[in-house]
Amino acid sequence: MKKYTIQDNPFVVPTNDGKVIKEHFGIPTTGDSKISIAHMVAPPGWSEPFQTPEFDEYTFIIKGKKQFVIGDDIVVLEAGQSIKIEKHTRVQYSNPFTQSCEYIAICTPAFSIEKVHREI
């Protein structure tokens, strides 16, 4: 039995906001509820509503910039930077900039729509 898994067919999450989400590991691809790893591209002008997830989220920026509103802080990360946002933290993600932002997101436990608690 092999002690590794190669993922070459990630689950492409359907979106209607122009964001591309390819989940390599997590509930939809492997059934793993402990961790999710996704490659994402957020187009210029993209944003999500505030959320207070039940998981830690790590983000590593590959290209472009991404904005985070965390409490009273506005944090902007650029290529090569990363951040960990602890679970139960109210946060809003956006790309108010003129170029796309490519990044990797890792959630522990795994991302699920039931545990993200987006404000509508």
N, C-alpha and C. Protein backbone atom coordinates (compact mmCIF):
# COMPACT_ATOMS: atom_id res chain seq x y z
N MET A 1 0.84 -1.20 0.00
CA MET A 1 0.00 0.00 0.00
C MET A 1 0.88 1.25 0.00
N LYS A 2 0.58 2.18 -0.90
CA LYS A 2 1.36 3.40 -0.99
C LYS A 2 1.07 4.32 0.19
N LYS A 3 2.08 5.04 0.60
CA LYS A 3 1.97 5.97 1.73
C LYS A 3 1.87 7.41 1.25
N TYR A 4 1.41 7.61 0.02
CA TYR A 4 1.26 8.96 -0.52
C TYR A 4 0.09 8.98 -1.50
N THR A 5 -0.40 10.19 -1.75
CA THR A 5 -1.48 10.40 -2.71
C THR A 5 -1.11 11.56 -3.61
N ILE A 6 -1.14 11.34 -4.89
CA ILE A 6 -0.91 12.41 -5.86
C ILE A 6 -2.27 12.89 -6.34
N GLN A 7 -2.48 14.18 -6.30
CA GLN A 7 -3.76 14.76 -6.73
C GLN A 7 -3.55 15.48 -8.04
N ASP A 8 -4.09 14.95 -9.12
CA ASP A 8 -3.98 15.62 -10.41
C ASP A 8 -5.36 15.90 -11.01
N ASN A 9 -6.39 15.73 -10.19
CA ASN A 9 -7.75 15.99 -10.66
C ASN A 9 -8.53 16.68 -9.53
N PRO A 10 -8.15 17.92 -9.19
CA PRO A 10 -8.84 18.60 -8.08
C PRO A 10 -10.30 18.87 -8.40
N PHE A 11 -11.08 19.01 -7.34
CA PHE A 11 -12.49 19.37 -7.48
C PHE A 11 -12.58 20.86 -7.78
N VAL A 12 -13.21 21.23 -8.88
CA VAL A 12 -13.39 22.64 -9.23
C VAL A 12 -14.72 23.08 -8.63
N VAL A 13 -14.63 23.97 -7.65
CA VAL A 13 -15.81 24.45 -6.94
C VAL A 13 -16.57 25.41 -7.85
N PRO A 14 -17.87 25.16 -8.06
CA PRO A 14 -18.64 26.09 -8.89
C PRO A 14 -18.81 27.45 -8.19
N THR A 15 -18.54 28.52 -8.91
CA THR A 15 -18.70 29.87 -8.36
C THR A 15 -19.45 30.73 -9.37
N ASN A 16 -19.98 31.85 -8.90
CA ASN A 16 -20.64 32.79 -9.81
C ASN A 16 -20.05 34.19 -9.70
N ASP A 17 -18.86 34.29 -9.09
CA ASP A 17 -18.24 35.59 -8.88
C ASP A 17 -16.90 35.75 -9.60
N GLY A 18 -16.57 34.79 -10.48
CA GLY A 18 -15.32 34.87 -11.23
C GLY A 18 -14.13 34.24 -10.54
N LYS A 19 -14.27 33.86 -9.28
CA LYS A 19 -13.17 33.23 -8.55
C LYS A 19 -13.03 31.78 -8.99
N VAL A 20 -11.79 31.34 -9.16
CA VAL A 20 -11.50 29.96 -9.52
C VAL A 20 -10.99 29.26 -8.27
N ILE A 21 -11.65 28.16 -7.90
CA ILE A 21 -11.27 27.38 -6.72
C ILE A 21 -11.07 25.94 -7.15
N LYS A 22 -9.85 25.44 -6.98
CA LYS A 22 -9.53 24.04 -7.27
C LYS A 22 -9.09 23.39 -5.96
N GLU A 23 -9.98 22.60 -5.39
CA GLU A 23 -9.67 21.94 -4.11
C GLU A 23 -8.95 20.63 -4.39
N HIS A 24 -7.68 20.57 -3.93
CA HIS A 24 -6.84 19.40 -4.15
C HIS A 24 -7.08 18.32 -3.10
N PHE A 25 -7.23 18.72 -1.87
CA PHE A 25 -7.50 17.80 -0.77
C PHE A 25 -8.59 18.41 0.09
N GLY A 26 -9.49 17.58 0.57
CA GLY A 26 -10.59 18.06 1.41
C GLY A 26 -11.82 17.21 1.21
N ILE A 27 -12.91 17.65 1.73
CA ILE A 27 -14.15 16.87 1.75
C ILE A 27 -14.62 16.48 0.34
N PRO A 28 -14.71 17.41 -0.64
CA PRO A 28 -15.24 16.99 -1.95
C PRO A 28 -14.30 16.09 -2.75
N THR A 29 -12.99 16.17 -2.51
CA THR A 29 -12.06 15.40 -3.32
C THR A 29 -11.68 14.07 -2.68
N THR A 30 -11.34 14.11 -1.41
CA THR A 30 -10.81 12.92 -0.73
C THR A 30 -11.67 12.47 0.44
N GLY A 31 -12.67 13.26 0.80
CA GLY A 31 -13.50 12.93 1.95
C GLY A 31 -12.84 13.26 3.27
N ASP A 32 -11.67 13.88 3.23
CA ASP A 32 -10.93 14.20 4.46
C ASP A 32 -11.51 15.44 5.11
N SER A 33 -12.00 15.31 6.33
CA SER A 33 -12.58 16.46 7.04
C SER A 33 -11.57 17.13 7.97
N LYS A 34 -10.31 16.63 7.99
CA LYS A 34 -9.30 17.22 8.87
C LYS A 34 -8.57 18.39 8.24
N ILE A 35 -8.45 18.40 6.90
CA ILE A 35 -7.69 19.46 6.23
C ILE A 35 -8.24 19.64 4.81
N SER A 36 -8.17 20.87 4.34
CA SER A 36 -8.44 21.13 2.93
C SER A 36 -7.32 22.01 2.39
N ILE A 37 -6.95 21.74 1.15
CA ILE A 37 -5.91 22.52 0.47
C ILE A 37 -6.47 22.89 -0.90
N ALA A 38 -6.53 24.20 -1.16
CA ALA A 38 -7.12 24.67 -2.42
C ALA A 38 -6.21 25.71 -3.07
N HIS A 39 -6.18 25.65 -4.41
CA HIS A 39 -5.48 26.64 -5.23
C HIS A 39 -6.55 27.57 -5.76
N MET A 40 -6.39 28.87 -5.54
CA MET A 40 -7.44 29.82 -5.90
C MET A 40 -6.88 30.98 -6.70
N VAL A 41 -7.75 31.54 -7.54
CA VAL A 41 -7.45 32.78 -8.26
C VAL A 41 -8.66 33.69 -8.09
N ALA A 42 -8.43 34.84 -7.43
CA ALA A 42 -9.48 35.83 -7.21
C ALA A 42 -9.29 36.97 -8.22
N PRO A 43 -10.31 37.25 -9.03
CA PRO A 43 -10.18 38.30 -10.04
C PRO A 43 -10.18 39.70 -9.41
N PRO A 44 -9.72 40.70 -10.14
CA PRO A 44 -9.78 42.08 -9.64
C PRO A 44 -11.23 42.43 -9.27
N GLY A 45 -11.40 43.12 -8.16
CA GLY A 45 -12.72 43.56 -7.72
C GLY A 45 -13.52 42.53 -6.96
N TRP A 46 -12.99 41.33 -6.78
CA TRP A 46 -13.69 40.25 -6.08
C TRP A 46 -13.74 40.50 -4.57
N SER A 47 -14.84 40.09 -3.95
CA SER A 47 -14.92 40.11 -2.48
C SER A 47 -15.94 39.09 -2.02
N GLU A 48 -15.81 38.69 -0.78
CA GLU A 48 -16.76 37.79 -0.12
C GLU A 48 -17.37 38.53 1.05
N PRO A 49 -18.53 38.08 1.52
CA PRO A 49 -19.08 38.67 2.74
C PRO A 49 -18.22 38.30 3.95
N PHE A 50 -18.40 39.02 5.05
CA PHE A 50 -17.73 38.65 6.29
C PHE A 50 -18.13 37.23 6.66
N GLN A 51 -17.22 36.55 7.36
CA GLN A 51 -17.48 35.20 7.83
C GLN A 51 -16.77 34.98 9.16
N THR A 52 -17.25 34.01 9.92
CA THR A 52 -16.62 33.63 11.19
C THR A 52 -16.52 32.10 11.21
N PRO A 53 -15.49 31.55 10.56
CA PRO A 53 -15.41 30.11 10.37
C PRO A 53 -15.02 29.33 11.62
N GLU A 54 -15.37 28.05 11.60
CA GLU A 54 -15.01 27.12 12.66
C GLU A 54 -13.73 26.36 12.32
N PHE A 55 -12.84 26.99 11.54
CA PHE A 55 -11.57 26.36 11.17
C PHE A 55 -10.50 27.43 11.09
N ASP A 56 -9.25 27.03 11.33
CA ASP A 56 -8.11 27.91 11.07
C ASP A 56 -7.90 27.95 9.57
N GLU A 57 -7.54 29.14 9.06
CA GLU A 57 -7.26 29.24 7.63
C GLU A 57 -5.90 29.87 7.42
N TYR A 58 -5.08 29.18 6.65
CA TYR A 58 -3.75 29.65 6.27
C TYR A 58 -3.83 30.06 4.80
N THR A 59 -3.25 31.21 4.46
CA THR A 59 -3.24 31.67 3.08
C THR A 59 -1.81 32.04 2.70
N PHE A 60 -1.37 31.52 1.54
CA PHE A 60 -0.07 31.87 0.98
C PHE A 60 -0.30 32.49 -0.39
N ILE A 61 0.20 33.73 -0.56
CA ILE A 61 -0.01 34.47 -1.81
C ILE A 61 1.09 34.10 -2.81
N ILE A 62 0.67 33.66 -3.99
CA ILE A 62 1.61 33.30 -5.06
C ILE A 62 1.85 34.50 -5.97
N LYS A 63 0.76 35.15 -6.41
CA LYS A 63 0.85 36.33 -7.29
C LYS A 63 -0.21 37.34 -6.88
N GLY A 64 0.09 38.61 -7.09
CA GLY A 64 -0.88 39.66 -6.81
C GLY A 64 -0.96 40.00 -5.33
N LYS A 65 -2.11 40.57 -4.95
CA LYS A 65 -2.35 41.00 -3.57
C LYS A 65 -3.76 40.58 -3.15
N LYS A 66 -3.92 40.38 -1.84
CA LYS A 66 -5.23 40.04 -1.28
C LYS A 66 -5.42 40.85 -0.01
N GLN A 67 -6.63 41.34 0.18
CA GLN A 67 -6.94 42.16 1.35
C GLN A 67 -7.77 41.34 2.35
N PHE A 68 -7.45 41.51 3.63
CA PHE A 68 -8.14 40.86 4.73
C PHE A 68 -8.63 41.94 5.69
N VAL A 69 -9.89 41.94 6.05
CA VAL A 69 -10.40 42.81 7.10
C VAL A 69 -10.63 41.90 8.30
N ILE A 70 -9.84 42.14 9.36
CA ILE A 70 -9.87 41.30 10.55
C ILE A 70 -10.08 42.24 11.74
N GLY A 71 -11.29 42.25 12.30
CA GLY A 71 -11.58 43.21 13.37
C GLY A 71 -11.43 44.62 12.83
N ASP A 72 -10.62 45.42 13.52
CA ASP A 72 -10.38 46.80 13.10
C ASP A 72 -9.19 46.93 12.16
N ASP A 73 -8.56 45.82 11.81
CA ASP A 73 -7.35 45.85 10.99
C ASP A 73 -7.66 45.54 9.53
N ILE A 74 -7.00 46.26 8.64
CA ILE A 74 -7.00 45.94 7.22
C ILE A 74 -5.58 45.49 6.89
N VAL A 75 -5.46 44.23 6.46
CA VAL A 75 -4.17 43.63 6.17
C VAL A 75 -4.11 43.34 4.68
N VAL A 76 -3.04 43.75 4.02
CA VAL A 76 -2.84 43.47 2.60
C VAL A 76 -1.58 42.61 2.48
N LEU A 77 -1.74 41.43 1.88
CA LEU A 77 -0.60 40.55 1.65
C LEU A 77 -0.24 40.56 0.17
N GLU A 78 1.06 40.42 -0.09
CA GLU A 78 1.57 40.37 -1.45
C GLU A 78 2.26 39.04 -1.68
N ALA A 79 2.64 38.78 -2.93
CA ALA A 79 3.30 37.53 -3.30
C ALA A 79 4.45 37.21 -2.35
N GLY A 80 4.48 35.96 -1.89
CA GLY A 80 5.53 35.51 -0.98
C GLY A 80 5.17 35.63 0.49
N GLN A 81 4.05 36.29 0.80
CA GLN A 81 3.64 36.44 2.19
C GLN A 81 2.53 35.44 2.52
N SER A 82 2.39 35.16 3.81
CA SER A 82 1.35 34.24 4.26
C SER A 82 0.76 34.73 5.57
N ILE A 83 -0.41 34.17 5.92
CA ILE A 83 -1.11 34.55 7.13
C ILE A 83 -1.87 33.34 7.67
N LYS A 84 -2.01 33.28 8.98
CA LYS A 84 -2.89 32.31 9.62
C LYS A 84 -3.97 33.11 10.32
N ILE A 85 -5.23 32.76 10.05
CA ILE A 85 -6.35 33.39 10.75
C ILE A 85 -7.02 32.30 11.58
N GLU A 86 -7.06 32.53 12.88
CA GLU A 86 -7.57 31.52 13.80
C GLU A 86 -9.08 31.37 13.69
N LYS A 87 -9.55 30.15 13.93
CA LYS A 87 -10.98 29.87 13.89
C LYS A 87 -11.72 30.79 14.86
N HIS A 88 -12.99 31.02 14.56
CA HIS A 88 -13.88 31.89 15.33
C HIS A 88 -13.47 33.36 15.25
N THR A 89 -12.70 33.73 14.20
CA THR A 89 -12.31 35.12 13.96
C THR A 89 -13.16 35.66 12.81
N ARG A 90 -13.79 36.79 13.03
CA ARG A 90 -14.59 37.42 11.96
C ARG A 90 -13.63 38.05 10.95
N VAL A 91 -13.81 37.69 9.67
CA VAL A 91 -12.88 38.12 8.63
C VAL A 91 -13.63 38.32 7.32
N GLN A 92 -13.10 39.24 6.51
CA GLN A 92 -13.60 39.42 5.16
C GLN A 92 -12.42 39.39 4.20
N TYR A 93 -12.56 38.63 3.12
CA TYR A 93 -11.52 38.50 2.10
C TYR A 93 -11.94 39.26 0.86
N SER A 94 -10.95 39.94 0.21
CA SER A 94 -11.27 40.64 -1.03
C SER A 94 -10.01 40.88 -1.85
N ASN A 95 -10.25 41.23 -3.11
CA ASN A 95 -9.19 41.66 -4.01
C ASN A 95 -9.65 42.96 -4.67
N PRO A 96 -9.47 44.10 -3.97
CA PRO A 96 -9.88 45.38 -4.54
C PRO A 96 -8.85 45.96 -5.51
N PHE A 97 -7.90 45.15 -5.93
CA PHE A 97 -6.78 45.62 -6.74
C PHE A 97 -7.03 45.37 -8.22
N THR A 98 -6.10 45.79 -9.07
CA THR A 98 -6.31 45.75 -10.52
C THR A 98 -5.82 44.48 -11.19
N GLN A 99 -5.13 43.60 -10.45
CA GLN A 99 -4.69 42.34 -11.04
C GLN A 99 -5.21 41.17 -10.21
N SER A 100 -5.32 40.02 -10.84
CA SER A 100 -5.78 38.82 -10.15
C SER A 100 -4.83 38.45 -9.02
N CYS A 101 -5.37 37.77 -8.02
CA CYS A 101 -4.57 37.27 -6.92
C CYS A 101 -4.63 35.74 -6.94
N GLU A 102 -3.47 35.13 -7.03
CA GLU A 102 -3.37 33.67 -7.01
C GLU A 102 -2.81 33.26 -5.65
N TYR A 103 -3.45 32.29 -5.01
CA TYR A 103 -3.02 31.89 -3.68
C TYR A 103 -3.42 30.46 -3.35
N ILE A 104 -2.81 29.95 -2.30
CA ILE A 104 -3.13 28.64 -1.74
C ILE A 104 -3.80 28.88 -0.39
N ALA A 105 -4.92 28.19 -0.15
CA ALA A 105 -5.61 28.25 1.14
C ALA A 105 -5.63 26.86 1.76
N ILE A 106 -5.29 26.80 3.03
CA ILE A 106 -5.30 25.55 3.78
C ILE A 106 -6.19 25.76 5.00
N CYS A 107 -7.16 24.90 5.19
CA CYS A 107 -8.08 25.00 6.33
C CYS A 107 -7.97 23.75 7.18
N THR A 108 -7.90 23.97 8.51
CA THR A 108 -7.90 22.85 9.46
C THR A 108 -8.90 23.15 10.58
N PRO A 109 -9.91 22.33 10.81
CA PRO A 109 -10.30 21.22 9.95
C PRO A 109 -10.72 21.73 8.58
N ALA A 110 -11.09 20.81 7.71
CA ALA A 110 -11.36 21.14 6.31
C ALA A 110 -12.49 22.16 6.17
N PHE A 111 -12.39 22.96 5.11
CA PHE A 111 -13.45 23.89 4.76
C PHE A 111 -14.74 23.13 4.51
N SER A 112 -15.83 23.68 5.02
CA SER A 112 -17.16 23.21 4.63
C SER A 112 -18.09 24.41 4.70
N ILE A 113 -19.07 24.43 3.82
CA ILE A 113 -20.00 25.56 3.76
C ILE A 113 -20.78 25.69 5.07
N GLU A 114 -20.99 24.57 5.76
CA GLU A 114 -21.72 24.60 7.03
C GLU A 114 -20.90 25.21 8.16
N LYS A 115 -19.58 25.22 8.02
CA LYS A 115 -18.70 25.71 9.10
C LYS A 115 -18.08 27.07 8.82
N VAL A 116 -18.41 27.68 7.66
CA VAL A 116 -17.80 28.97 7.32
C VAL A 116 -18.57 30.14 7.91
N HIS A 117 -19.86 30.00 8.07
CA HIS A 117 -20.74 31.02 8.68
C HIS A 117 -20.58 32.39 8.02
N ARG A 118 -20.85 32.44 6.71
CA ARG A 118 -20.82 33.70 5.97
C ARG A 118 -22.04 34.55 6.33
N GLU A 119 -21.79 35.83 6.44
CA GLU A 119 -22.88 36.79 6.68
C GLU A 119 -23.51 37.14 5.33
N ILE A 120 -24.81 37.21 5.29
CA ILE A 120 -25.48 37.50 4.02
C ILE A 120 -26.26 38.80 4.15
